[in-house]
Amino acid sequence: MISDAPAFLTQFVRHPLTTGAVLPSGPALSRDITAAVPRAGHPLVVELGPGTGAFTRAIQRRLAGRGHHLAVELNPAFATDLARRHPTVEVVHADAATLRELLAERRAASADVVVSGLPWAAFPARRQQVILDAVVGALGAGGVFTTFAYRHALPTRPARRFHRLLAGAFDEVTVGRTVWTNLPPALVYHCRRPLHRAP
């Protein structure tokens, strides 16, 4: 994480609304957010906003060569570097809102797990809704969506709005423990069984 910090900070300064953080996530948060990735079978795992790859590495460890890992990154510098570091991951320079189209292009009916590193609290309402609709539309009936929130941002209006959106989109939304060792401290939302799929 420390070695990635300068690159992350540079991209935050250049693109604060899409990068959303000044440091990459730590190993404890990475373990929590990727816990839904199956350790058996051949799942399709989609990662949104991988950045410098903190969650990417954890997903790859859990997959251990199985399944397919599709990483969708809007920042071209991050996407290029991630593809170089992780040649077994399919890295796509694209908007997370196009997720259903990306799966259709790959003839994939649905994703088993979607792991998000996107800065939801930095997004306006419409952007939150559009991307979450894409996630719900991409997941299978038993699919799992995980994302995180910074503890200090939970009282803000965008964070509260996003939590309400999650509750309306999934049958079960559980909030994980606070990872105090992360900088800044964060927690994970584990969202299971999407309630509807967008047309």
N, C-alpha and C. Protein backbone atom coordinates (compact mmCIF):
# COMPACT_ATOMS: atom_id res chain seq x y z
N MET A 1 0.83 -1.20 0.00
CA MET A 1 0.00 0.00 0.00
C MET A 1 0.87 1.26 0.00
N ILE A 2 1.94 1.25 0.81
CA ILE A 2 2.78 2.43 0.92
C ILE A 2 3.40 2.78 -0.42
N SER A 3 3.86 1.75 -1.18
CA SER A 3 4.50 2.02 -2.46
C SER A 3 3.54 2.61 -3.47
N ASP A 4 2.23 2.33 -3.31
CA ASP A 4 1.22 2.86 -4.22
C ASP A 4 0.74 4.24 -3.82
N ALA A 5 1.09 4.69 -2.63
CA ALA A 5 0.56 5.95 -2.11
C ALA A 5 0.88 7.15 -2.99
N PRO A 6 2.11 7.33 -3.50
CA PRO A 6 2.37 8.51 -4.35
C PRO A 6 1.51 8.55 -5.61
N ALA A 7 1.35 7.39 -6.26
CA ALA A 7 0.52 7.35 -7.47
C ALA A 7 -0.93 7.66 -7.14
N PHE A 8 -1.40 7.14 -6.03
CA PHE A 8 -2.79 7.37 -5.62
C PHE A 8 -3.03 8.84 -5.31
N LEU A 9 -2.09 9.44 -4.58
CA LEU A 9 -2.22 10.85 -4.24
C LEU A 9 -2.21 11.72 -5.48
N THR A 10 -1.35 11.39 -6.44
CA THR A 10 -1.28 12.15 -7.69
C THR A 10 -2.61 12.11 -8.42
N GLN A 11 -3.21 10.92 -8.52
CA GLN A 11 -4.49 10.81 -9.21
C GLN A 11 -5.62 11.48 -8.45
N PHE A 12 -5.53 11.49 -7.11
CA PHE A 12 -6.55 12.20 -6.33
C PHE A 12 -6.50 13.69 -6.62
N VAL A 13 -5.29 14.23 -6.68
CA VAL A 13 -5.14 15.67 -6.96
C VAL A 13 -5.68 16.00 -8.35
N ARG A 14 -5.41 15.13 -9.32
CA ARG A 14 -5.86 15.38 -10.69
C ARG A 14 -7.34 15.11 -10.89
N HIS A 15 -7.87 14.08 -10.21
CA HIS A 15 -9.26 13.66 -10.42
C HIS A 15 -9.94 13.39 -9.07
N PRO A 16 -10.15 14.40 -8.24
CA PRO A 16 -10.66 14.16 -6.88
C PRO A 16 -12.06 13.57 -6.83
N LEU A 17 -12.91 13.84 -7.83
CA LEU A 17 -14.28 13.34 -7.80
C LEU A 17 -14.39 11.89 -8.22
N THR A 18 -13.40 11.38 -8.97
CA THR A 18 -13.46 9.99 -9.39
C THR A 18 -12.50 9.10 -8.62
N THR A 19 -11.43 9.68 -8.07
CA THR A 19 -10.51 8.88 -7.27
C THR A 19 -11.05 8.75 -5.85
N GLY A 20 -11.45 9.85 -5.24
CA GLY A 20 -12.21 9.79 -3.99
C GLY A 20 -11.44 9.52 -2.72
N ALA A 21 -10.15 9.23 -2.79
CA ALA A 21 -9.36 8.98 -1.58
C ALA A 21 -7.92 9.39 -1.85
N VAL A 22 -7.19 9.65 -0.79
CA VAL A 22 -5.80 10.07 -0.95
C VAL A 22 -4.83 8.90 -0.77
N LEU A 23 -5.33 7.77 -0.23
CA LEU A 23 -4.49 6.59 -0.04
C LEU A 23 -5.25 5.34 -0.49
N PRO A 24 -4.53 4.33 -0.99
CA PRO A 24 -5.20 3.07 -1.32
C PRO A 24 -5.65 2.36 -0.04
N SER A 25 -6.60 1.45 -0.18
CA SER A 25 -7.12 0.72 0.97
C SER A 25 -6.08 -0.24 1.52
N GLY A 26 -6.17 -0.50 2.83
CA GLY A 26 -5.22 -1.37 3.50
C GLY A 26 -5.60 -2.84 3.42
N PRO A 27 -4.72 -3.73 3.87
CA PRO A 27 -4.96 -5.17 3.76
C PRO A 27 -6.15 -5.68 4.55
N ALA A 28 -6.43 -5.12 5.72
CA ALA A 28 -7.56 -5.59 6.52
C ALA A 28 -8.88 -5.29 5.82
N LEU A 29 -9.02 -4.07 5.28
CA LEU A 29 -10.23 -3.73 4.54
C LEU A 29 -10.33 -4.58 3.28
N SER A 30 -9.22 -4.83 2.63
CA SER A 30 -9.21 -5.67 1.42
C SER A 30 -9.71 -7.07 1.72
N ARG A 31 -9.32 -7.63 2.85
CA ARG A 31 -9.80 -8.96 3.23
C ARG A 31 -11.30 -8.95 3.49
N ASP A 32 -11.78 -7.93 4.19
CA ASP A 32 -13.21 -7.87 4.50
C ASP A 32 -14.07 -7.71 3.26
N ILE A 33 -13.65 -6.86 2.34
CA ILE A 33 -14.50 -6.56 1.19
C ILE A 33 -14.50 -7.68 0.16
N THR A 34 -13.48 -8.52 0.19
CA THR A 34 -13.41 -9.62 -0.78
C THR A 34 -13.83 -10.96 -0.19
N ALA A 35 -14.35 -10.96 1.03
CA ALA A 35 -14.73 -12.21 1.70
C ALA A 35 -15.83 -12.97 0.95
N ALA A 36 -16.62 -12.27 0.14
CA ALA A 36 -17.70 -12.93 -0.60
C ALA A 36 -17.22 -13.66 -1.84
N VAL A 37 -15.99 -13.46 -2.24
CA VAL A 37 -15.46 -14.15 -3.43
C VAL A 37 -15.29 -15.63 -3.09
N PRO A 38 -15.97 -16.54 -3.81
CA PRO A 38 -15.92 -17.97 -3.46
C PRO A 38 -14.51 -18.54 -3.58
N ARG A 39 -14.20 -19.47 -2.69
CA ARG A 39 -12.92 -20.17 -2.75
C ARG A 39 -13.02 -21.47 -3.53
N ALA A 40 -14.19 -21.72 -4.13
CA ALA A 40 -14.40 -22.92 -4.94
C ALA A 40 -15.16 -22.53 -6.21
N GLY A 41 -15.13 -23.41 -7.21
CA GLY A 41 -15.83 -23.15 -8.45
C GLY A 41 -15.11 -22.17 -9.35
N HIS A 42 -15.85 -21.65 -10.32
CA HIS A 42 -15.26 -20.75 -11.31
C HIS A 42 -16.13 -19.50 -11.45
N PRO A 43 -16.14 -18.67 -10.43
CA PRO A 43 -17.03 -17.50 -10.44
C PRO A 43 -16.54 -16.40 -11.37
N LEU A 44 -17.50 -15.58 -11.79
CA LEU A 44 -17.18 -14.34 -12.47
C LEU A 44 -17.22 -13.24 -11.43
N VAL A 45 -16.08 -12.64 -11.18
CA VAL A 45 -15.96 -11.58 -10.19
C VAL A 45 -15.65 -10.27 -10.91
N VAL A 46 -16.47 -9.27 -10.68
CA VAL A 46 -16.27 -7.95 -11.27
C VAL A 46 -15.79 -7.01 -10.18
N GLU A 47 -14.77 -6.26 -10.51
CA GLU A 47 -14.24 -5.26 -9.58
C GLU A 47 -14.41 -3.88 -10.20
N LEU A 48 -15.06 -3.00 -9.48
CA LEU A 48 -15.30 -1.64 -9.97
C LEU A 48 -14.36 -0.67 -9.26
N GLY A 49 -13.67 0.16 -10.02
CA GLY A 49 -12.77 1.14 -9.43
C GLY A 49 -11.61 0.52 -8.69
N PRO A 50 -10.84 -0.35 -9.35
CA PRO A 50 -9.74 -1.02 -8.63
C PRO A 50 -8.59 -0.12 -8.23
N GLY A 51 -8.44 1.04 -8.86
CA GLY A 51 -7.36 1.96 -8.48
C GLY A 51 -6.00 1.33 -8.68
N THR A 52 -5.19 1.30 -7.62
CA THR A 52 -3.84 0.73 -7.73
C THR A 52 -3.82 -0.77 -7.42
N GLY A 53 -4.98 -1.35 -7.11
CA GLY A 53 -5.04 -2.80 -7.01
C GLY A 53 -5.06 -3.42 -5.63
N ALA A 54 -5.40 -2.66 -4.59
CA ALA A 54 -5.44 -3.23 -3.24
C ALA A 54 -6.45 -4.38 -3.16
N PHE A 55 -7.66 -4.17 -3.69
CA PHE A 55 -8.67 -5.22 -3.68
C PHE A 55 -8.35 -6.27 -4.74
N THR A 56 -7.74 -5.85 -5.84
CA THR A 56 -7.38 -6.77 -6.93
C THR A 56 -6.52 -7.90 -6.40
N ARG A 57 -5.51 -7.55 -5.63
CA ARG A 57 -4.61 -8.56 -5.08
C ARG A 57 -5.35 -9.54 -4.18
N ALA A 58 -6.27 -9.03 -3.36
CA ALA A 58 -7.02 -9.90 -2.46
C ALA A 58 -7.96 -10.82 -3.24
N ILE A 59 -8.59 -10.30 -4.28
CA ILE A 59 -9.47 -11.13 -5.13
C ILE A 59 -8.66 -12.23 -5.79
N GLN A 60 -7.51 -11.88 -6.31
CA GLN A 60 -6.68 -12.87 -6.98
C GLN A 60 -6.24 -13.97 -6.02
N ARG A 61 -5.93 -13.62 -4.79
CA ARG A 61 -5.55 -14.63 -3.81
C ARG A 61 -6.70 -15.59 -3.54
N ARG A 62 -7.92 -15.07 -3.44
CA ARG A 62 -9.07 -15.93 -3.18
C ARG A 62 -9.41 -16.80 -4.39
N LEU A 63 -9.28 -16.25 -5.59
CA LEU A 63 -9.59 -17.03 -6.79
C LEU A 63 -8.54 -18.11 -7.05
N ALA A 64 -7.29 -17.79 -6.76
CA ALA A 64 -6.19 -18.77 -6.93
C ALA A 64 -6.20 -19.41 -8.31
N GLY A 65 -6.38 -18.58 -9.33
CA GLY A 65 -6.31 -19.08 -10.70
C GLY A 65 -7.64 -19.56 -11.27
N ARG A 66 -8.69 -19.55 -10.49
CA ARG A 66 -10.00 -20.02 -10.98
C ARG A 66 -10.83 -18.85 -11.50
N GLY A 67 -11.89 -19.17 -12.21
CA GLY A 67 -12.88 -18.18 -12.61
C GLY A 67 -12.34 -17.09 -13.51
N HIS A 68 -13.07 -15.97 -13.51
CA HIS A 68 -12.70 -14.83 -14.34
C HIS A 68 -12.83 -13.56 -13.51
N HIS A 69 -11.83 -12.72 -13.60
CA HIS A 69 -11.78 -11.48 -12.83
C HIS A 69 -11.75 -10.32 -13.82
N LEU A 70 -12.83 -9.56 -13.84
CA LEU A 70 -12.96 -8.40 -14.72
C LEU A 70 -12.87 -7.14 -13.87
N ALA A 71 -11.88 -6.30 -14.15
CA ALA A 71 -11.68 -5.06 -13.41
C ALA A 71 -12.02 -3.87 -14.30
N VAL A 72 -12.93 -3.03 -13.84
CA VAL A 72 -13.43 -1.89 -14.62
C VAL A 72 -12.93 -0.60 -13.97
N GLU A 73 -12.05 0.10 -14.68
CA GLU A 73 -11.40 1.29 -14.13
C GLU A 73 -11.56 2.47 -15.08
N LEU A 74 -12.07 3.60 -14.56
CA LEU A 74 -12.30 4.79 -15.37
C LEU A 74 -11.03 5.61 -15.58
N ASN A 75 -10.12 5.56 -14.61
CA ASN A 75 -8.89 6.35 -14.70
C ASN A 75 -7.89 5.63 -15.61
N PRO A 76 -7.49 6.22 -16.71
CA PRO A 76 -6.61 5.52 -17.66
C PRO A 76 -5.24 5.17 -17.10
N ALA A 77 -4.70 6.04 -16.24
CA ALA A 77 -3.39 5.75 -15.65
C ALA A 77 -3.47 4.53 -14.74
N PHE A 78 -4.51 4.47 -13.91
CA PHE A 78 -4.69 3.31 -13.05
C PHE A 78 -4.91 2.04 -13.88
N ALA A 79 -5.74 2.14 -14.92
CA ALA A 79 -6.05 0.97 -15.74
C ALA A 79 -4.79 0.41 -16.40
N THR A 80 -3.97 1.27 -16.95
CA THR A 80 -2.74 0.83 -17.61
C THR A 80 -1.80 0.15 -16.63
N ASP A 81 -1.62 0.75 -15.47
CA ASP A 81 -0.71 0.19 -14.48
C ASP A 81 -1.24 -1.12 -13.92
N LEU A 82 -2.56 -1.20 -13.70
CA LEU A 82 -3.16 -2.42 -13.16
C LEU A 82 -2.99 -3.58 -14.13
N ALA A 83 -3.20 -3.32 -15.42
CA ALA A 83 -3.05 -4.37 -16.43
C ALA A 83 -1.61 -4.88 -16.48
N ARG A 84 -0.67 -3.98 -16.29
CA ARG A 84 0.73 -4.39 -16.30
C ARG A 84 1.07 -5.25 -15.08
N ARG A 85 0.53 -4.86 -13.93
CA ARG A 85 0.84 -5.59 -12.70
C ARG A 85 0.12 -6.93 -12.61
N HIS A 86 -1.08 -7.01 -13.20
CA HIS A 86 -1.90 -8.21 -13.06
C HIS A 86 -2.31 -8.74 -14.44
N PRO A 87 -1.42 -9.40 -15.13
CA PRO A 87 -1.72 -9.86 -16.50
C PRO A 87 -2.84 -10.90 -16.58
N THR A 88 -3.16 -11.57 -15.46
CA THR A 88 -4.24 -12.57 -15.50
C THR A 88 -5.61 -11.95 -15.25
N VAL A 89 -5.64 -10.66 -14.92
CA VAL A 89 -6.91 -9.95 -14.72
C VAL A 89 -7.27 -9.23 -16.01
N GLU A 90 -8.54 -9.33 -16.40
CA GLU A 90 -9.00 -8.56 -17.57
C GLU A 90 -9.34 -7.15 -17.11
N VAL A 91 -8.48 -6.21 -17.43
CA VAL A 91 -8.68 -4.82 -17.04
C VAL A 91 -9.30 -4.06 -18.21
N VAL A 92 -10.40 -3.38 -17.94
CA VAL A 92 -11.10 -2.62 -18.96
C VAL A 92 -11.15 -1.15 -18.54
N HIS A 93 -10.71 -0.28 -19.43
CA HIS A 93 -10.83 1.16 -19.18
C HIS A 93 -12.23 1.57 -19.59
N ALA A 94 -13.13 1.68 -18.62
CA ALA A 94 -14.53 1.95 -18.92
C ALA A 94 -15.22 2.51 -17.68
N ASP A 95 -16.44 3.00 -17.89
CA ASP A 95 -17.28 3.53 -16.83
C ASP A 95 -18.05 2.39 -16.19
N ALA A 96 -18.11 2.37 -14.85
CA ALA A 96 -18.85 1.32 -14.15
C ALA A 96 -20.33 1.30 -14.55
N ALA A 97 -20.86 2.43 -14.99
CA ALA A 97 -22.27 2.50 -15.40
C ALA A 97 -22.55 1.64 -16.62
N THR A 98 -21.52 1.24 -17.36
CA THR A 98 -21.70 0.41 -18.56
C THR A 98 -21.51 -1.07 -18.25
N LEU A 99 -21.60 -1.47 -17.00
CA LEU A 99 -21.28 -2.84 -16.60
C LEU A 99 -22.11 -3.88 -17.35
N ARG A 100 -23.39 -3.66 -17.48
CA ARG A 100 -24.22 -4.65 -18.17
C ARG A 100 -23.78 -4.82 -19.62
N GLU A 101 -23.43 -3.72 -20.28
CA GLU A 101 -22.95 -3.81 -21.65
C GLU A 101 -21.61 -4.55 -21.72
N LEU A 102 -20.76 -4.31 -20.74
CA LEU A 102 -19.47 -5.00 -20.71
C LEU A 102 -19.65 -6.51 -20.57
N LEU A 103 -20.61 -6.93 -19.73
CA LEU A 103 -20.87 -8.36 -19.58
C LEU A 103 -21.48 -8.94 -20.85
N ALA A 104 -22.38 -8.19 -21.48
CA ALA A 104 -23.00 -8.66 -22.71
C ALA A 104 -21.96 -8.85 -23.81
N GLU A 105 -21.01 -7.96 -23.89
CA GLU A 105 -19.94 -8.09 -24.88
C GLU A 105 -19.13 -9.37 -24.67
N ARG A 106 -19.08 -9.84 -23.43
CA ARG A 106 -18.34 -11.06 -23.11
C ARG A 106 -19.23 -12.28 -23.04
N ARG A 107 -20.48 -12.12 -23.46
CA ARG A 107 -21.47 -13.19 -23.45
C ARG A 107 -21.63 -13.81 -22.06
N ALA A 108 -21.54 -12.95 -21.05
CA ALA A 108 -21.73 -13.38 -19.66
C ALA A 108 -23.13 -12.97 -19.21
N ALA A 109 -23.90 -13.94 -18.74
CA ALA A 109 -25.27 -13.64 -18.33
C ALA A 109 -25.31 -12.77 -17.08
N SER A 110 -24.42 -13.04 -16.15
CA SER A 110 -24.42 -12.29 -14.89
C SER A 110 -23.10 -12.50 -14.16
N ALA A 111 -22.86 -11.64 -13.20
CA ALA A 111 -21.68 -11.77 -12.33
C ALA A 111 -22.10 -12.45 -11.03
N ASP A 112 -21.17 -13.20 -10.45
CA ASP A 112 -21.44 -13.84 -9.17
C ASP A 112 -21.19 -12.88 -8.01
N VAL A 113 -20.14 -12.08 -8.14
CA VAL A 113 -19.78 -11.11 -7.10
C VAL A 113 -19.33 -9.83 -7.77
N VAL A 114 -19.76 -8.70 -7.24
CA VAL A 114 -19.24 -7.40 -7.65
C VAL A 114 -18.63 -6.74 -6.43
N VAL A 115 -17.35 -6.41 -6.54
CA VAL A 115 -16.62 -5.75 -5.46
C VAL A 115 -16.34 -4.32 -5.92
N SER A 116 -16.74 -3.35 -5.12
CA SER A 116 -16.61 -1.95 -5.53
C SER A 116 -15.64 -1.17 -4.66
N GLY A 117 -14.73 -0.47 -5.32
CA GLY A 117 -13.87 0.48 -4.65
C GLY A 117 -14.22 1.91 -5.02
N LEU A 118 -15.43 2.10 -5.56
CA LEU A 118 -15.85 3.42 -6.02
C LEU A 118 -16.15 4.37 -4.86
N PRO A 119 -15.92 5.67 -5.06
CA PRO A 119 -16.17 6.66 -3.99
C PRO A 119 -17.63 7.12 -3.99
N TRP A 120 -18.52 6.28 -3.53
CA TRP A 120 -19.96 6.55 -3.61
C TRP A 120 -20.35 7.87 -2.97
N ALA A 121 -19.75 8.21 -1.85
CA ALA A 121 -20.12 9.44 -1.14
C ALA A 121 -19.70 10.69 -1.89
N ALA A 122 -18.83 10.54 -2.88
CA ALA A 122 -18.42 11.68 -3.69
C ALA A 122 -19.31 11.87 -4.92
N PHE A 123 -20.22 10.93 -5.14
CA PHE A 123 -21.08 10.98 -6.33
C PHE A 123 -22.38 11.73 -6.05
N PRO A 124 -22.89 12.47 -7.03
CA PRO A 124 -24.24 13.04 -6.89
C PRO A 124 -25.28 11.93 -6.97
N ALA A 125 -26.51 12.26 -6.62
CA ALA A 125 -27.58 11.27 -6.53
C ALA A 125 -27.76 10.48 -7.82
N ARG A 126 -27.80 11.18 -8.95
CA ARG A 126 -28.05 10.49 -10.22
C ARG A 126 -26.95 9.49 -10.54
N ARG A 127 -25.71 9.87 -10.27
CA ARG A 127 -24.58 8.98 -10.54
C ARG A 127 -24.64 7.74 -9.65
N GLN A 128 -24.96 7.92 -8.37
CA GLN A 128 -25.11 6.77 -7.49
C GLN A 128 -26.17 5.80 -8.03
N GLN A 129 -27.32 6.35 -8.42
CA GLN A 129 -28.42 5.51 -8.88
C GLN A 129 -28.07 4.77 -10.16
N VAL A 130 -27.47 5.46 -11.11
CA VAL A 130 -27.15 4.83 -12.40
C VAL A 130 -26.17 3.67 -12.23
N ILE A 131 -25.14 3.89 -11.43
CA ILE A 131 -24.14 2.82 -11.26
C ILE A 131 -24.73 1.67 -10.45
N LEU A 132 -25.50 1.97 -9.41
CA LEU A 132 -26.10 0.89 -8.63
C LEU A 132 -27.09 0.09 -9.47
N ASP A 133 -27.85 0.75 -10.34
CA ASP A 133 -28.74 0.03 -11.26
C ASP A 133 -27.94 -0.92 -12.16
N ALA A 134 -26.78 -0.46 -12.61
CA ALA A 134 -25.93 -1.31 -13.45
C ALA A 134 -25.43 -2.53 -12.68
N VAL A 135 -25.09 -2.33 -11.42
CA VAL A 135 -24.64 -3.43 -10.58
C VAL A 135 -25.75 -4.45 -10.38
N VAL A 136 -26.94 -3.97 -10.00
CA VAL A 136 -28.07 -4.85 -9.77
C VAL A 136 -28.43 -5.61 -11.05
N GLY A 137 -28.38 -4.93 -12.18
CA GLY A 137 -28.68 -5.56 -13.45
C GLY A 137 -27.65 -6.58 -13.88
N ALA A 138 -26.44 -6.47 -13.34
CA ALA A 138 -25.37 -7.39 -13.72
C ALA A 138 -25.28 -8.62 -12.83
N LEU A 139 -25.88 -8.57 -11.64
CA LEU A 139 -25.77 -9.68 -10.70
C LEU A 139 -26.81 -10.77 -10.97
N GLY A 140 -26.42 -12.02 -10.72
CA GLY A 140 -27.37 -13.10 -10.74
C GLY A 140 -28.27 -13.05 -9.52
N ALA A 141 -29.29 -13.92 -9.49
CA ALA A 141 -30.27 -13.89 -8.40
C ALA A 141 -29.62 -14.11 -7.04
N GLY A 142 -28.57 -14.90 -6.99
CA GLY A 142 -27.87 -15.14 -5.74
C GLY A 142 -26.60 -14.34 -5.61
N GLY A 143 -26.48 -13.29 -6.39
CA GLY A 143 -25.25 -12.52 -6.43
C GLY A 143 -25.01 -11.70 -5.18
N VAL A 144 -23.75 -11.32 -5.01
CA VAL A 144 -23.34 -10.53 -3.84
C VAL A 144 -22.60 -9.28 -4.31
N PHE A 145 -22.93 -8.18 -3.69
CA PHE A 145 -22.27 -6.91 -3.96
C PHE A 145 -21.63 -6.42 -2.67
N THR A 146 -20.34 -6.09 -2.73
CA THR A 146 -19.68 -5.53 -1.56
C THR A 146 -19.05 -4.19 -1.93
N THR A 147 -19.16 -3.26 -1.00
CA THR A 147 -18.53 -1.95 -1.17
C THR A 147 -18.21 -1.41 0.20
N PHE A 148 -17.51 -0.30 0.26
CA PHE A 148 -17.10 0.21 1.56
C PHE A 148 -17.45 1.68 1.71
N ALA A 149 -17.42 2.12 2.95
CA ALA A 149 -17.65 3.53 3.26
C ALA A 149 -16.67 3.94 4.35
N TYR A 150 -16.20 5.17 4.26
CA TYR A 150 -15.35 5.70 5.32
C TYR A 150 -16.20 6.07 6.52
N ARG A 151 -15.75 5.69 7.68
CA ARG A 151 -16.52 5.89 8.89
C ARG A 151 -16.88 7.37 9.10
N HIS A 152 -15.93 8.26 8.84
CA HIS A 152 -16.19 9.68 9.11
C HIS A 152 -17.23 10.27 8.16
N ALA A 153 -17.44 9.62 7.01
CA ALA A 153 -18.37 10.15 6.02
C ALA A 153 -19.80 9.65 6.19
N LEU A 154 -20.02 8.69 7.08
CA LEU A 154 -21.35 8.09 7.21
C LEU A 154 -22.46 9.10 7.50
N PRO A 155 -22.23 10.17 8.28
CA PRO A 155 -23.32 11.12 8.54
C PRO A 155 -23.65 12.05 7.37
N THR A 156 -22.84 12.07 6.33
CA THR A 156 -23.07 13.00 5.24
C THR A 156 -24.30 12.60 4.42
N ARG A 157 -24.89 13.58 3.77
CA ARG A 157 -26.10 13.31 2.99
C ARG A 157 -25.87 12.28 1.88
N PRO A 158 -24.79 12.39 1.08
CA PRO A 158 -24.58 11.37 0.03
C PRO A 158 -24.42 9.97 0.59
N ALA A 159 -23.73 9.83 1.72
CA ALA A 159 -23.54 8.50 2.31
C ALA A 159 -24.86 7.93 2.82
N ARG A 160 -25.67 8.76 3.46
CA ARG A 160 -26.98 8.29 3.94
C ARG A 160 -27.88 7.93 2.77
N ARG A 161 -27.84 8.73 1.71
CA ARG A 161 -28.64 8.44 0.53
C ARG A 161 -28.23 7.11 -0.10
N PHE A 162 -26.92 6.87 -0.18
CA PHE A 162 -26.44 5.63 -0.78
C PHE A 162 -26.87 4.43 0.05
N HIS A 163 -26.83 4.55 1.36
CA HIS A 163 -27.27 3.45 2.22
C HIS A 163 -28.74 3.13 1.98
N ARG A 164 -29.56 4.16 1.79
CA ARG A 164 -30.98 3.93 1.48
C ARG A 164 -31.14 3.25 0.13
N LEU A 165 -30.33 3.63 -0.84
CA LEU A 165 -30.38 2.98 -2.15
C LEU A 165 -30.05 1.50 -2.05
N LEU A 166 -29.04 1.19 -1.25
CA LEU A 166 -28.68 -0.22 -1.07
C LEU A 166 -29.84 -1.00 -0.45
N ALA A 167 -30.46 -0.43 0.57
CA ALA A 167 -31.56 -1.10 1.25
C ALA A 167 -32.73 -1.35 0.31
N GLY A 168 -32.92 -0.48 -0.67
CA GLY A 168 -33.99 -0.67 -1.62
C GLY A 168 -33.65 -1.59 -2.77
N ALA A 169 -32.38 -1.90 -2.93
CA ALA A 169 -31.93 -2.70 -4.07
C ALA A 169 -31.62 -4.15 -3.73
N PHE A 170 -31.43 -4.45 -2.44
CA PHE A 170 -31.03 -5.79 -2.03
C PHE A 170 -31.92 -6.31 -0.91
N ASP A 171 -32.12 -7.62 -0.89
CA ASP A 171 -32.91 -8.26 0.14
C ASP A 171 -32.22 -8.20 1.49
N GLU A 172 -30.88 -8.22 1.48
CA GLU A 172 -30.11 -8.21 2.72
C GLU A 172 -28.92 -7.28 2.58
N VAL A 173 -28.81 -6.34 3.48
CA VAL A 173 -27.65 -5.44 3.54
C VAL A 173 -27.12 -5.47 4.97
N THR A 174 -25.91 -5.98 5.12
CA THR A 174 -25.31 -6.01 6.45
C THR A 174 -24.08 -5.11 6.46
N VAL A 175 -23.83 -4.52 7.60
CA VAL A 175 -22.70 -3.61 7.76
C VAL A 175 -21.62 -4.32 8.56
N GLY A 176 -20.43 -4.40 7.99
CA GLY A 176 -19.33 -5.08 8.66
C GLY A 176 -18.72 -4.24 9.77
N ARG A 177 -17.74 -4.83 10.42
CA ARG A 177 -17.02 -4.16 11.50
C ARG A 177 -16.25 -2.96 10.96
N THR A 178 -15.98 -2.01 11.81
CA THR A 178 -15.13 -0.90 11.43
C THR A 178 -13.68 -1.36 11.42
N VAL A 179 -13.01 -1.13 10.31
CA VAL A 179 -11.59 -1.47 10.19
C VAL A 179 -10.81 -0.22 10.60
N TRP A 180 -10.45 -0.17 11.89
CA TRP A 180 -9.81 1.02 12.43
C TRP A 180 -8.39 1.19 11.92
N THR A 181 -7.77 0.09 11.46
CA THR A 181 -6.39 0.18 10.97
C THR A 181 -6.31 0.76 9.57
N ASN A 182 -7.45 0.86 8.89
CA ASN A 182 -7.44 1.48 7.56
C ASN A 182 -7.30 2.99 7.72
N LEU A 183 -6.71 3.64 6.73
CA LEU A 183 -6.56 5.09 6.75
C LEU A 183 -7.31 5.71 5.58
N PRO A 184 -8.44 6.38 5.85
CA PRO A 184 -9.13 6.51 7.14
C PRO A 184 -9.92 5.24 7.48
N PRO A 185 -10.37 5.08 8.74
CA PRO A 185 -11.16 3.91 9.11
C PRO A 185 -12.38 3.75 8.22
N ALA A 186 -12.70 2.48 7.92
CA ALA A 186 -13.78 2.20 6.97
C ALA A 186 -14.52 0.94 7.38
N LEU A 187 -15.68 0.74 6.77
CA LEU A 187 -16.46 -0.48 6.99
C LEU A 187 -17.03 -0.94 5.66
N VAL A 188 -17.45 -2.20 5.64
CA VAL A 188 -17.91 -2.82 4.39
C VAL A 188 -19.41 -3.08 4.45
N TYR A 189 -20.10 -2.78 3.35
CA TYR A 189 -21.49 -3.19 3.15
C TYR A 189 -21.49 -4.51 2.37
N HIS A 190 -22.17 -5.52 2.92
CA HIS A 190 -22.32 -6.82 2.25
C HIS A 190 -23.78 -6.90 1.80
N CYS A 191 -24.02 -6.89 0.50
CA CYS A 191 -25.37 -6.81 -0.05
C CYS A 191 -25.67 -8.08 -0.84
N ARG A 192 -26.72 -8.78 -0.45
CA ARG A 192 -27.03 -10.07 -1.07
C ARG A 192 -28.44 -10.08 -1.64
N ARG A 193 -28.59 -10.87 -2.70
CA ARG A 193 -29.88 -11.12 -3.36
C ARG A 193 -30.52 -9.83 -3.88
N PRO A 194 -30.11 -9.38 -5.05
CA PRO A 194 -30.72 -8.18 -5.63
C PRO A 194 -32.23 -8.36 -5.78
N LEU A 195 -32.96 -7.31 -5.47
CA LEU A 195 -34.42 -7.39 -5.48
C LEU A 195 -35.02 -7.24 -6.87
N HIS A 196 -34.29 -6.65 -7.77
CA HIS A 196 -34.79 -6.49 -9.13
C HIS A 196 -33.62 -6.36 -10.05
N ARG A 197 -33.86 -6.69 -11.29
CA ARG A 197 -32.83 -6.49 -12.31
C ARG A 197 -33.35 -5.45 -13.28
N ALA A 198 -32.54 -4.43 -13.54
CA ALA A 198 -32.96 -3.38 -14.47
C ALA A 198 -33.11 -3.98 -15.86
N PRO A 199 -34.07 -3.48 -16.67
CA PRO A 199 -34.31 -4.07 -18.00
C PRO A 199 -33.14 -3.82 -18.94
